[in-house]
Amino acid sequence: MSTDKKADFSGVTSSVDSTAQKVEKADFSGVTSSVDTTAEKVGGTYTVQKGDSLSKIAKQELGDANAWQKIFEANRDVLDDPDKIFPGQTLKLPPKG
């Protein structure tokens, strides 16, 4: 058992005054907002039909059969092989152009 005296803080009081300015209401009257369409950035989707290939879809949907690689790249999360697509699959299309 220790005989050391402990500090007595029983008579200590405290108060805090804020130095920040008090704001009645925030003024948002000058705030504006706009939303850009994603239609030009996202080409949409395409559901694979029997007999489709990526080049056929690219020609039909993008106007360029050589754009099949863009479709493949846009769908790397669902496609491992550009030659293996199946009817019923929904593919993301890149934007035209």
PDB file of N, CA and C in Angstrom:
ATOM      1  N   MET A   1       0.831  -1.165   0.000  1.00  0.00           N
ATOM      2  CA  MET A   1       0.000   0.000   0.000  1.00  0.00           C
ATOM      3  C   MET A   1       0.884   1.239   0.000  1.00  0.00           C
ATOM      4  N   SER A   2       0.557   2.199  -0.814  1.00  0.00           N
ATOM      5  CA  SER A   2       1.385   3.382  -0.973  1.00  0.00           C
ATOM      6  C   SER A   2       0.893   4.499  -0.070  1.00  0.00           C
ATOM      7  N   THR A   3       1.808   5.305   0.419  1.00  0.00           N
ATOM      8  CA  THR A   3       1.448   6.445   1.263  1.00  0.00           C
ATOM      9  C   THR A   3       1.562   7.751   0.490  1.00  0.00           C
ATOM     10  N   ASP A   4       1.791   7.666  -0.846  1.00  0.00           N
ATOM     11  CA  ASP A   4       1.897   8.871  -1.677  1.00  0.00           C
ATOM     12  C   ASP A   4       0.557   9.580  -1.735  1.00  0.00           C
ATOM     13  N   LYS A   5       0.595  10.892  -1.652  1.00  0.00           N
ATOM     14  CA  LYS A   5      -0.623  11.682  -1.777  1.00  0.00           C
ATOM     15  C   LYS A   5      -0.992  11.774  -3.250  1.00  0.00           C
ATOM     16  N   LYS A   6      -2.293  11.728  -3.516  1.00  0.00           N
ATOM     17  CA  LYS A   6      -2.783  11.862  -4.883  1.00  0.00           C
ATOM     18  C   LYS A   6      -3.287  13.277  -5.071  1.00  0.00           C
ATOM     19  N   ALA A   7      -3.174  13.759  -6.297  1.00  0.00           N
ATOM     20  CA  ALA A   7      -3.633  15.109  -6.605  1.00  0.00           C
ATOM     21  C   ALA A   7      -5.144  15.188  -6.417  1.00  0.00           C
ATOM     22  N   ASP A   8      -5.602  16.326  -5.870  1.00  0.00           N
ATOM     23  CA  ASP A   8      -7.033  16.538  -5.632  1.00  0.00           C
ATOM     24  C   ASP A   8      -7.549  17.528  -6.666  1.00  0.00           C
ATOM     25  N   PHE A   9      -8.361  17.012  -7.624  1.00  0.00           N
ATOM     26  CA  PHE A   9      -8.923  17.856  -8.675  1.00  0.00           C
ATOM     27  C   PHE A   9     -10.388  18.179  -8.417  1.00  0.00           C
ATOM     28  N   SER A  10     -10.892  17.971  -7.237  1.00  0.00           N
ATOM     29  CA  SER A  10     -12.309  18.156  -6.956  1.00  0.00           C
ATOM     30  C   SER A  10     -12.767  19.601  -7.090  1.00  0.00           C
ATOM     31  N   GLY A  11     -11.903  20.563  -6.960  1.00  0.00           N
ATOM     32  CA  GLY A  11     -12.308  21.965  -7.054  1.00  0.00           C
ATOM     33  C   GLY A  11     -12.029  22.591  -8.411  1.00  0.00           C
ATOM     34  N   VAL A  12     -11.621  21.814  -9.378  1.00  0.00           N
ATOM     35  CA  VAL A  12     -11.258  22.346 -10.690  1.00  0.00           C
ATOM     36  C   VAL A  12     -12.507  22.506 -11.540  1.00  0.00           C
ATOM     37  N   THR A  13     -12.648  23.643 -12.194  1.00  0.00           N
ATOM     38  CA  THR A  13     -13.749  23.881 -13.136  1.00  0.00           C
ATOM     39  C   THR A  13     -13.150  24.299 -14.466  1.00  0.00           C
ATOM     40  N   SER A  14     -13.976  24.234 -15.501  1.00  0.00           N
ATOM     41  CA  SER A  14     -13.493  24.565 -16.838  1.00  0.00           C
ATOM     42  C   SER A  14     -14.630  25.117 -17.669  1.00  0.00           C
ATOM     43  N   SER A  15     -14.294  25.924 -18.644  1.00  0.00           N
ATOM     44  CA  SER A  15     -15.282  26.410 -19.615  1.00  0.00           C
ATOM     45  C   SER A  15     -14.564  26.624 -20.942  1.00  0.00           C
ATOM     46  N   VAL A  16     -15.333  26.517 -22.043  1.00  0.00           N
ATOM     47  CA  VAL A  16     -14.762  26.680 -23.372  1.00  0.00           C
ATOM     48  C   VAL A  16     -15.596  27.700 -24.128  1.00  0.00           C
ATOM     49  N   ASP A  17     -14.945  28.712 -24.642  1.00  0.00           N
ATOM     50  CA  ASP A  17     -15.607  29.685 -25.496  1.00  0.00           C
ATOM     51  C   ASP A  17     -15.135  29.435 -26.919  1.00  0.00           C
ATOM     52  N   SER A  18     -16.060  29.365 -27.849  1.00  0.00           N
ATOM     53  CA  SER A  18     -15.694  29.131 -29.239  1.00  0.00           C
ATOM     54  C   SER A  18     -15.232  30.422 -29.866  1.00  0.00           C
ATOM     55  N   THR A  19     -14.203  30.326 -30.676  1.00  0.00           N
ATOM     56  CA  THR A  19     -13.733  31.494 -31.420  1.00  0.00           C
ATOM     57  C   THR A  19     -14.293  31.495 -32.839  1.00  0.00           C
ATOM     58  N   ALA A  20     -15.027  30.439 -33.186  1.00  0.00           N
ATOM     59  CA  ALA A  20     -15.605  30.349 -34.527  1.00  0.00           C
ATOM     60  C   ALA A  20     -16.805  31.281 -34.631  1.00  0.00           C
ATOM     61  N   GLN A  21     -16.994  31.824 -35.830  1.00  0.00           N
ATOM     62  CA  GLN A  21     -18.154  32.668 -36.051  1.00  0.00           C
ATOM     63  C   GLN A  21     -19.406  31.804 -36.071  1.00  0.00           C
ATOM     64  N   LYS A  22     -20.450  32.312 -35.509  1.00  0.00           N
ATOM     65  CA  LYS A  22     -21.713  31.593 -35.517  1.00  0.00           C
ATOM     66  C   LYS A  22     -22.429  31.913 -36.827  1.00  0.00           C
ATOM     67  N   VAL A  23     -22.946  30.880 -37.473  1.00  0.00           N
ATOM     68  CA  VAL A  23     -23.638  31.040 -38.743  1.00  0.00           C
ATOM     69  C   VAL A  23     -25.101  30.695 -38.523  1.00  0.00           C
ATOM     70  N   GLU A  24     -25.968  31.626 -38.857  1.00  0.00           N
ATOM     71  CA  GLU A  24     -27.396  31.385 -38.684  1.00  0.00           C
ATOM     72  C   GLU A  24     -27.882  30.333 -39.677  1.00  0.00           C
ATOM     73  N   LYS A  25     -27.664  30.584 -40.971  1.00  0.00           N
ATOM     74  CA  LYS A  25     -28.078  29.651 -42.023  1.00  0.00           C
ATOM     75  C   LYS A  25     -27.001  29.654 -43.099  1.00  0.00           C
ATOM     76  N   ALA A  26     -26.770  28.510 -43.651  1.00  0.00           N
ATOM     77  CA  ALA A  26     -25.829  28.433 -44.766  1.00  0.00           C
ATOM     78  C   ALA A  26     -26.518  28.973 -46.009  1.00  0.00           C
ATOM     79  N   ASP A  27     -25.805  29.736 -46.807  1.00  0.00           N
ATOM     80  CA  ASP A  27     -26.372  30.324 -48.023  1.00  0.00           C
ATOM     81  C   ASP A  27     -25.911  29.520 -49.232  1.00  0.00           C
ATOM     82  N   PHE A  28     -26.823  28.778 -49.816  1.00  0.00           N
ATOM     83  CA  PHE A  28     -26.530  27.973 -50.992  1.00  0.00           C
ATOM     84  C   PHE A  28     -27.128  28.589 -52.255  1.00  0.00           C
ATOM     85  N   SER A  29     -27.500  29.851 -52.221  1.00  0.00           N
ATOM     86  CA  SER A  29     -28.182  30.461 -53.356  1.00  0.00           C
ATOM     87  C   SER A  29     -27.298  30.532 -54.604  1.00  0.00           C
ATOM     88  N   GLY A  30     -25.994  30.545 -54.453  1.00  0.00           N
ATOM     89  CA  GLY A  30     -25.105  30.610 -55.607  1.00  0.00           C
ATOM     90  C   GLY A  30     -24.634  29.256 -56.109  1.00  0.00           C
ATOM     91  N   VAL A  31     -25.116  28.178 -55.515  1.00  0.00           N
ATOM     92  CA  VAL A  31     -24.666  26.837 -55.889  1.00  0.00           C
ATOM     93  C   VAL A  31     -25.444  26.355 -57.110  1.00  0.00           C
ATOM     94  N   THR A  32     -24.725  25.826 -58.074  1.00  0.00           N
ATOM     95  CA  THR A  32     -25.359  25.244 -59.255  1.00  0.00           C
ATOM     96  C   THR A  32     -24.860  23.819 -59.437  1.00  0.00           C
ATOM     97  N   SER A  33     -25.592  23.077 -60.226  1.00  0.00           N
ATOM     98  CA  SER A  33     -25.235  21.689 -60.470  1.00  0.00           C
ATOM     99  C   SER A  33     -25.623  21.313 -61.890  1.00  0.00           C
ATOM    100  N   SER A  34     -24.903  20.363 -62.457  1.00  0.00           N
ATOM    101  CA  SER A  34     -25.269  19.861 -63.777  1.00  0.00           C
ATOM    102  C   SER A  34     -24.907  18.391 -63.852  1.00  0.00           C
ATOM    103  N   VAL A  35     -25.602  17.679 -64.707  1.00  0.00           N
ATOM    104  CA  VAL A  35     -25.345  16.257 -64.900  1.00  0.00           C
ATOM    105  C   VAL A  35     -25.084  16.036 -66.379  1.00  0.00           C
ATOM    106  N   ASP A  36     -23.933  15.488 -66.675  1.00  0.00           N
ATOM    107  CA  ASP A  36     -23.622  15.144 -68.055  1.00  0.00           C
ATOM    108  C   ASP A  36     -24.169  13.758 -68.339  1.00  0.00           C
ATOM    109  N   THR A  37     -24.674  13.568 -69.519  1.00  0.00           N
ATOM    110  CA  THR A  37     -25.177  12.256 -69.888  1.00  0.00           C
ATOM    111  C   THR A  37     -24.021  11.294 -70.090  1.00  0.00           C
ATOM    112  N   THR A  38     -24.252  10.051 -69.789  1.00  0.00           N
ATOM    113  CA  THR A  38     -23.241   9.031 -70.036  1.00  0.00           C
ATOM    114  C   THR A  38     -23.504   8.334 -71.366  1.00  0.00           C
ATOM    115  N   ALA A  39     -24.531   8.754 -72.077  1.00  0.00           N
ATOM    116  CA  ALA A  39     -24.904   8.084 -73.322  1.00  0.00           C
ATOM    117  C   ALA A  39     -23.756   8.069 -74.330  1.00  0.00           C
ATOM    118  N   GLU A  40     -22.986   9.150 -74.397  1.00  0.00           N
ATOM    119  CA  GLU A  40     -21.879   9.191 -75.351  1.00  0.00           C
ATOM    120  C   GLU A  40     -20.674   8.407 -74.837  1.00  0.00           C
ATOM    121  N   LYS A  41     -20.601   8.198 -73.537  1.00  0.00           N
ATOM    122  CA  LYS A  41     -19.453   7.526 -72.951  1.00  0.00           C
ATOM    123  C   LYS A  41     -19.646   6.019 -72.859  1.00  0.00           C
ATOM    124  N   VAL A  42     -20.896   5.602 -72.774  1.00  0.00           N
ATOM    125  CA  VAL A  42     -21.226   4.185 -72.683  1.00  0.00           C
ATOM    126  C   VAL A  42     -22.090   3.849 -73.883  1.00  0.00           C
ATOM    127  N   GLY A  43     -21.705   2.814 -74.602  1.00  0.00           N
ATOM    128  CA  GLY A  43     -22.416   2.484 -75.821  1.00  0.00           C
ATOM    129  C   GLY A  43     -23.680   1.677 -75.629  1.00  0.00           C
ATOM    130  N   GLY A  44     -23.944   1.208 -74.446  1.00  0.00           N
ATOM    131  CA  GLY A  44     -25.126   0.397 -74.226  1.00  0.00           C
ATOM    132  C   GLY A  44     -24.772  -1.072 -74.110  1.00  0.00           C
ATOM    133  N   THR A  45     -25.765  -1.912 -74.366  1.00  0.00           N
ATOM    134  CA  THR A  45     -25.552  -3.354 -74.266  1.00  0.00           C
ATOM    135  C   THR A  45     -26.111  -4.051 -75.498  1.00  0.00           C
ATOM    136  N   TYR A  46     -25.693  -5.286 -75.668  1.00  0.00           N
ATOM    137  CA  TYR A  46     -26.165  -6.117 -76.775  1.00  0.00           C
ATOM    138  C   TYR A  46     -26.314  -7.539 -76.263  1.00  0.00           C
ATOM    139  N   THR A  47     -27.437  -8.170 -76.585  1.00  0.00           N
ATOM    140  CA  THR A  47     -27.646  -9.567 -76.221  1.00  0.00           C
ATOM    141  C   THR A  47     -27.254 -10.444 -77.398  1.00  0.00           C
ATOM    142  N   VAL A  48     -26.318 -11.341 -77.175  1.00  0.00           N
ATOM    143  CA  VAL A  48     -25.785 -12.212 -78.218  1.00  0.00           C
ATOM    144  C   VAL A  48     -26.891 -13.119 -78.763  1.00  0.00           C
ATOM    145  N   GLN A  49     -26.946 -13.207 -80.099  1.00  0.00           N
ATOM    146  CA  GLN A  49     -27.899 -14.062 -80.800  1.00  0.00           C
ATOM    147  C   GLN A  49     -27.148 -15.251 -81.410  1.00  0.00           C
ATOM    148  N   LYS A  50     -27.880 -16.294 -81.734  1.00  0.00           N
ATOM    149  CA  LYS A  50     -27.282 -17.457 -82.386  1.00  0.00           C
ATOM    150  C   LYS A  50     -26.626 -17.016 -83.693  1.00  0.00           C
ATOM    151  N   GLY A  51     -25.398 -17.454 -83.920  1.00  0.00           N
ATOM    152  CA  GLY A  51     -24.669 -17.112 -85.135  1.00  0.00           C
ATOM    153  C   GLY A  51     -23.852 -15.828 -85.039  1.00  0.00           C
ATOM    154  N   ASP A  52     -23.938 -15.137 -83.916  1.00  0.00           N
ATOM    155  CA  ASP A  52     -23.175 -13.896 -83.745  1.00  0.00           C
ATOM    156  C   ASP A  52     -21.696 -14.182 -83.510  1.00  0.00           C
ATOM    157  N   SER A  53     -20.880 -13.215 -83.895  1.00  0.00           N
ATOM    158  CA  SER A  53     -19.463 -13.170 -83.553  1.00  0.00           C
ATOM    159  C   SER A  53     -19.191 -11.737 -83.131  1.00  0.00           C
ATOM    160  N   LEU A  54     -18.079 -11.516 -82.481  1.00  0.00           N
ATOM    161  CA  LEU A  54     -17.767 -10.149 -82.063  1.00  0.00           C
ATOM    162  C   LEU A  54     -17.622  -9.216 -83.260  1.00  0.00           C
ATOM    163  N   SER A  55     -17.055  -9.720 -84.362  1.00  0.00           N
ATOM    164  CA  SER A  55     -16.907  -8.862 -85.544  1.00  0.00           C
ATOM    165  C   SER A  55     -18.266  -8.557 -86.174  1.00  0.00           C
ATOM    166  N   LYS A  56     -19.172  -9.518 -86.158  1.00  0.00           N
ATOM    167  CA  LYS A  56     -20.513  -9.286 -86.694  1.00  0.00           C
ATOM    168  C   LYS A  56     -21.259  -8.252 -85.845  1.00  0.00           C
ATOM    169  N   ILE A  57     -21.137  -8.397 -84.535  1.00  0.00           N
ATOM    170  CA  ILE A  57     -21.770  -7.430 -83.630  1.00  0.00           C
ATOM    171  C   ILE A  57     -21.148  -6.053 -83.824  1.00  0.00           C
ATOM    172  N   ALA A  58     -19.816  -5.997 -83.956  1.00  0.00           N
ATOM    173  CA  ALA A  58     -19.116  -4.722 -84.145  1.00  0.00           C
ATOM    174  C   ALA A  58     -19.581  -4.039 -85.431  1.00  0.00           C
ATOM    175  N   LYS A  59     -19.723  -4.802 -86.506  1.00  0.00           N
ATOM    176  CA  LYS A  59     -20.178  -4.247 -87.792  1.00  0.00           C
ATOM    177  C   LYS A  59     -21.597  -3.714 -87.649  1.00  0.00           C
ATOM    178  N   GLN A  60     -22.461  -4.520 -87.038  1.00  0.00           N
ATOM    179  CA  GLN A  60     -23.875  -4.166 -86.907  1.00  0.00           C
ATOM    180  C   GLN A  60     -24.098  -2.992 -85.954  1.00  0.00           C
ATOM    181  N   GLU A  61     -23.422  -3.012 -84.818  1.00  0.00           N
ATOM    182  CA  GLU A  61     -23.679  -2.019 -83.775  1.00  0.00           C
ATOM    183  C   GLU A  61     -22.770  -0.796 -83.825  1.00  0.00           C
ATOM    184  N   LEU A  62     -21.534  -0.987 -84.294  1.00  0.00           N
ATOM    185  CA  LEU A  62     -20.563   0.110 -84.288  1.00  0.00           C
ATOM    186  C   LEU A  62     -20.183   0.578 -85.687  1.00  0.00           C
ATOM    187  N   GLY A  63     -20.613  -0.184 -86.709  1.00  0.00           N
ATOM    188  CA  GLY A  63     -20.323   0.211 -88.084  1.00  0.00           C
ATOM    189  C   GLY A  63     -18.943  -0.178 -88.569  1.00  0.00           C
ATOM    190  N   ASP A  64     -18.211  -0.977 -87.799  1.00  0.00           N
ATOM    191  CA  ASP A  64     -16.851  -1.367 -88.175  1.00  0.00           C
ATOM    192  C   ASP A  64     -16.546  -2.747 -87.602  1.00  0.00           C
ATOM    193  N   ALA A  65     -16.427  -3.737 -88.467  1.00  0.00           N
ATOM    194  CA  ALA A  65     -16.166  -5.104 -88.016  1.00  0.00           C
ATOM    195  C   ALA A  65     -14.858  -5.206 -87.238  1.00  0.00           C
ATOM    196  N   ASN A  66     -13.893  -4.336 -87.551  1.00  0.00           N
ATOM    197  CA  ASN A  66     -12.603  -4.357 -86.859  1.00  0.00           C
ATOM    198  C   ASN A  66     -12.694  -3.848 -85.420  1.00  0.00           C
ATOM    199  N   ALA A  67     -13.835  -3.315 -85.046  1.00  0.00           N
ATOM    200  CA  ALA A  67     -14.017  -2.813 -83.677  1.00  0.00           C
ATOM    201  C   ALA A  67     -14.352  -3.954 -82.705  1.00  0.00           C
ATOM    202  N   TRP A  68     -14.274  -5.209 -83.162  1.00  0.00           N
ATOM    203  CA  TRP A  68     -14.567  -6.348 -82.287  1.00  0.00           C
ATOM    204  C   TRP A  68     -13.648  -6.356 -81.067  1.00  0.00           C
ATOM    205  N   GLN A  69     -12.413  -5.867 -81.256  1.00  0.00           N
ATOM    206  CA  GLN A  69     -11.453  -5.841 -80.141  1.00  0.00           C
ATOM    207  C   GLN A  69     -11.922  -4.894 -79.032  1.00  0.00           C
ATOM    208  N   LYS A  70     -12.562  -3.794 -79.425  1.00  0.00           N
ATOM    209  CA  LYS A  70     -13.088  -2.854 -78.425  1.00  0.00           C
ATOM    210  C   LYS A  70     -14.205  -3.508 -77.616  1.00  0.00           C
ATOM    211  N   ILE A  71     -15.046  -4.283 -78.302  1.00  0.00           N
ATOM    212  CA  ILE A  71     -16.118  -4.997 -77.593  1.00  0.00           C
ATOM    213  C   ILE A  71     -15.501  -6.019 -76.641  1.00  0.00           C
ATOM    214  N   PHE A  72     -14.502  -6.737 -77.124  1.00  0.00           N
ATOM    215  CA  PHE A  72     -13.824  -7.734 -76.285  1.00  0.00           C
ATOM    216  C   PHE A  72     -13.224  -7.071 -75.050  1.00  0.00           C
ATOM    217  N   GLU A  73     -12.518  -5.962 -75.231  1.00  0.00           N
ATOM    218  CA  GLU A  73     -11.881  -5.267 -74.110  1.00  0.00           C
ATOM    219  C   GLU A  73     -12.922  -4.745 -73.116  1.00  0.00           C
ATOM    220  N   ALA A  74     -14.061  -4.292 -73.627  1.00  0.00           N
ATOM    221  CA  ALA A  74     -15.121  -3.778 -72.750  1.00  0.00           C
ATOM    222  C   ALA A  74     -15.766  -4.888 -71.927  1.00  0.00           C
ATOM    223  N   ASN A  75     -15.529  -6.143 -72.332  1.00  0.00           N
ATOM    224  CA  ASN A  75     -16.175  -7.277 -71.670  1.00  0.00           C
ATOM    225  C   ASN A  75     -15.188  -8.279 -71.092  1.00  0.00           C
ATOM    226  N   ARG A  76     -13.979  -7.840 -70.792  1.00  0.00           N
ATOM    227  CA  ARG A  76     -12.962  -8.743 -70.242  1.00  0.00           C
ATOM    228  C   ARG A  76     -13.413  -9.374 -68.929  1.00  0.00           C
ATOM    229  N   ASP A  77     -14.363  -8.735 -68.250  1.00  0.00           N
ATOM    230  CA  ASP A  77     -14.851  -9.299 -66.994  1.00  0.00           C
ATOM    231  C   ASP A  77     -15.735 -10.529 -67.211  1.00  0.00           C
ATOM    232  N   VAL A  78     -16.274 -10.702 -68.424  1.00  0.00           N
ATOM    233  CA  VAL A  78     -17.136 -11.864 -68.703  1.00  0.00           C
ATOM    234  C   VAL A  78     -16.611 -12.738 -69.844  1.00  0.00           C
ATOM    235  N   LEU A  79     -15.655 -12.233 -70.606  1.00  0.00           N
ATOM    236  CA  LEU A  79     -15.114 -12.997 -71.732  1.00  0.00           C
ATOM    237  C   LEU A  79     -13.631 -13.287 -71.525  1.00  0.00           C
ATOM    238  N   ASP A  80     -13.263 -14.556 -71.712  1.00  0.00           N
ATOM    239  CA  ASP A  80     -11.849 -14.937 -71.672  1.00  0.00           C
ATOM    240  C   ASP A  80     -11.288 -15.126 -73.070  1.00  0.00           C
ATOM    241  N   ASP A  81     -12.176 -15.438 -74.007  1.00  0.00           N
ATOM    242  CA  ASP A  81     -11.782 -15.761 -75.378  1.00  0.00           C
ATOM    243  C   ASP A  81     -12.756 -15.059 -76.320  1.00  0.00           C
ATOM    244  N   PRO A  82     -12.266 -14.240 -77.252  1.00  0.00           N
ATOM    245  CA  PRO A  82     -13.173 -13.522 -78.152  1.00  0.00           C
ATOM    246  C   PRO A  82     -13.966 -14.441 -79.080  1.00  0.00           C
ATOM    247  N   ASP A  83     -13.537 -15.674 -79.220  1.00  0.00           N
ATOM    248  CA  ASP A  83     -14.247 -16.619 -80.078  1.00  0.00           C
ATOM    249  C   ASP A  83     -15.310 -17.415 -79.319  1.00  0.00           C
ATOM    250  N   LYS A  84     -15.408 -17.184 -78.025  1.00  0.00           N
ATOM    251  CA  LYS A  84     -16.371 -17.943 -77.221  1.00  0.00           C
ATOM    252  C   LYS A  84     -17.412 -17.018 -76.613  1.00  0.00           C
ATOM    253  N   ILE A  85     -18.422 -16.696 -77.428  1.00  0.00           N
ATOM    254  CA  ILE A  85     -19.585 -15.970 -76.947  1.00  0.00           C
ATOM    255  C   ILE A  85     -20.790 -16.883 -77.158  1.00  0.00           C
ATOM    256  N   PHE A  86     -21.819 -16.680 -76.362  1.00  0.00           N
ATOM    257  CA  PHE A  86     -22.951 -17.587 -76.384  1.00  0.00           C
ATOM    258  C   PHE A  86     -24.267 -16.830 -76.464  1.00  0.00           C
ATOM    259  N   PRO A  87     -25.246 -17.386 -77.190  1.00  0.00           N
ATOM    260  CA  PRO A  87     -26.567 -16.751 -77.245  1.00  0.00           C
ATOM    261  C   PRO A  87     -27.104 -16.505 -75.835  1.00  0.00           C
ATOM    262  N   GLY A  88     -27.644 -15.330 -75.643  1.00  0.00           N
ATOM    263  CA  GLY A  88     -28.189 -14.951 -74.341  1.00  0.00           C
ATOM    264  C   GLY A  88     -27.246 -14.114 -73.506  1.00  0.00           C
ATOM    265  N   GLN A  89     -25.947 -14.127 -73.838  1.00  0.00           N
ATOM    266  CA  GLN A  89     -25.002 -13.285 -73.097  1.00  0.00           C
ATOM    267  C   GLN A  89     -25.309 -11.822 -73.378  1.00  0.00           C
ATOM    268  N   THR A  90     -25.187 -11.003 -72.352  1.00  0.00           N
ATOM    269  CA  THR A  90     -25.335  -9.560 -72.525  1.00  0.00           C
ATOM    270  C   THR A  90     -23.943  -8.948 -72.492  1.00  0.00           C
ATOM    271  N   LEU A  91     -23.602  -8.272 -73.570  1.00  0.00           N
ATOM    272  CA  LEU A  91     -22.279  -7.631 -73.688  1.00  0.00           C
ATOM    273  C   LEU A  91     -22.407  -6.125 -73.617  1.00  0.00           C
ATOM    274  N   LYS A  92     -21.439  -5.493 -72.998  1.00  0.00           N
ATOM    275  CA  LYS A  92     -21.362  -4.037 -72.989  1.00  0.00           C
ATOM    276  C   LYS A  92     -20.758  -3.585 -74.325  1.00  0.00           C
ATOM    277  N   LEU A  93     -21.323  -2.543 -74.875  1.00  0.00           N
ATOM    278  CA  LEU A  93     -20.793  -1.997 -76.123  1.00  0.00           C
ATOM    279  C   LEU A  93     -20.032  -0.712 -75.830  1.00  0.00           C
ATOM    280  N   PRO A  94     -18.880  -0.536 -76.458  1.00  0.00           N
ATOM    281  CA  PRO A  94     -18.176   0.737 -76.302  1.00  0.00           C
ATOM    282  C   PRO A  94     -18.915   1.812 -77.087  1.00  0.00           C
ATOM    283  N   PRO A  95     -18.636   3.065 -76.833  1.00  0.00           N
ATOM    284  CA  PRO A  95     -19.281   4.129 -77.602  1.00  0.00           C
ATOM    285  C   PRO A  95     -18.872   4.078 -79.070  1.00  0.00           C
ATOM    286  N   LYS A  96     -19.749   4.503 -79.939  1.00  0.00           N
ATOM    287  CA  LYS A  96     -19.425   4.550 -81.367  1.00  0.00           C
ATOM    288  C   LYS A  96     -18.376   5.612 -81.608  1.00  0.00           C
ATOM    289  N   GLY A  97     -17.531   5.332 -82.601  1.00  0.00           N
ATOM    290  CA  GLY A  97     -16.549   6.346 -82.977  1.00  0.00           C
ATOM    291  C   GLY A  97     -15.303   6.154 -82.313  1.00  0.00           C
TER     292      GLY A  97
END
